[in-house]
Amino acid sequence: MRFLITAQDTAGSVTLNRESVPAALKKARELISDGCWDVEIATPDGTIYRPAQFDALKEQVGA
């Protein structure tokens, strides 16, 4: 499965992909720590999760 992480930083838009929910959550949180904004995780089915929903994503997949 492929999870897309998108974010904005001072240089523009960033899009990364990870193969698992734990890896996607880790990278998304790193981006937030680095000062990025508008951070989102898109699941393979197209559902978008924003930072306030990251715990729900983790619980939903049992990660």
Protein backbone atom coordinates (compact mmCIF):
# COMPACT_ATOMS: atom_id res chain seq x y z
CA MET A 1 0.00 0.00 0.00
CA ARG A 2 1.11 3.54 -0.63
CA PHE A 3 0.42 6.45 1.70
CA LEU A 4 1.09 9.95 0.38
CA ILE A 5 2.24 12.67 2.75
CA THR A 6 1.86 16.24 1.50
CA ALA A 7 2.96 19.45 3.17
CA GLN A 8 3.96 23.04 2.50
CA ASP A 9 7.22 24.67 3.49
CA THR A 10 9.01 27.88 2.62
CA ALA A 11 10.33 26.34 -0.61
CA GLY A 12 6.90 25.15 -1.78
CA SER A 13 5.02 21.88 -1.83
CA VAL A 14 6.43 18.58 -0.59
CA THR A 15 5.01 15.16 -1.50
CA LEU A 16 6.45 11.94 -0.10
CA ASN A 17 5.21 8.38 0.00
CA ARG A 18 5.54 5.62 2.55
CA GLU A 19 4.49 1.97 2.49
CA SER A 20 2.84 1.76 5.94
CA VAL A 21 0.78 3.82 8.35
CA PRO A 22 3.51 3.94 11.04
CA ALA A 23 6.06 5.18 8.49
CA ALA A 24 3.62 7.76 7.11
CA LEU A 25 2.76 9.03 10.58
CA LYS A 26 6.43 9.26 11.53
CA LYS A 27 7.29 11.28 8.43
CA ALA A 28 4.25 13.54 8.78
CA ARG A 29 5.16 14.32 12.38
CA GLU A 30 8.77 15.01 11.35
CA LEU A 31 7.56 17.47 8.74
CA ILE A 32 5.42 19.25 11.33
CA SER A 33 8.42 19.40 13.69
CA ASP A 34 10.49 20.89 10.88
CA GLY A 35 8.00 23.74 10.50
CA CYS A 36 5.91 22.52 7.58
CA TRP A 37 2.22 23.33 7.46
CA ASP A 38 -0.86 21.91 5.71
CA VAL A 39 0.47 18.41 6.43
CA GLU A 40 -1.85 15.62 5.27
CA ILE A 41 -1.73 11.87 4.81
CA ALA A 42 -3.71 10.32 1.96
CA THR A 43 -4.52 6.63 2.30
CA PRO A 44 -4.60 4.25 -0.70
CA ASP A 45 -8.40 4.64 -0.89
CA GLY A 46 -8.07 8.44 -1.11
CA THR A 47 -9.11 9.35 2.43
CA ILE A 48 -7.27 12.43 3.70
CA TYR A 49 -6.10 12.73 7.32
CA ARG A 50 -4.99 16.03 8.84
CA PRO A 51 -2.84 16.22 12.01
CA ALA A 52 -5.84 16.30 14.37
CA GLN A 53 -6.92 12.97 12.85
CA PHE A 54 -3.55 11.17 12.93
CA ASP A 55 -4.44 9.27 16.11
CA ALA A 56 -7.67 8.08 14.48
CA LEU A 57 -5.70 6.82 11.48
CA LYS A 58 -3.33 4.97 13.80
CA GLU A 59 -6.20 3.36 15.70
CA GLN A 60 -8.13 2.50 12.53
CA VAL A 61 -5.36 0.30 11.18
CA GLY A 62 -4.15 -0.94 14.54
CA ALA A 63 -0.69 0.53 14.05
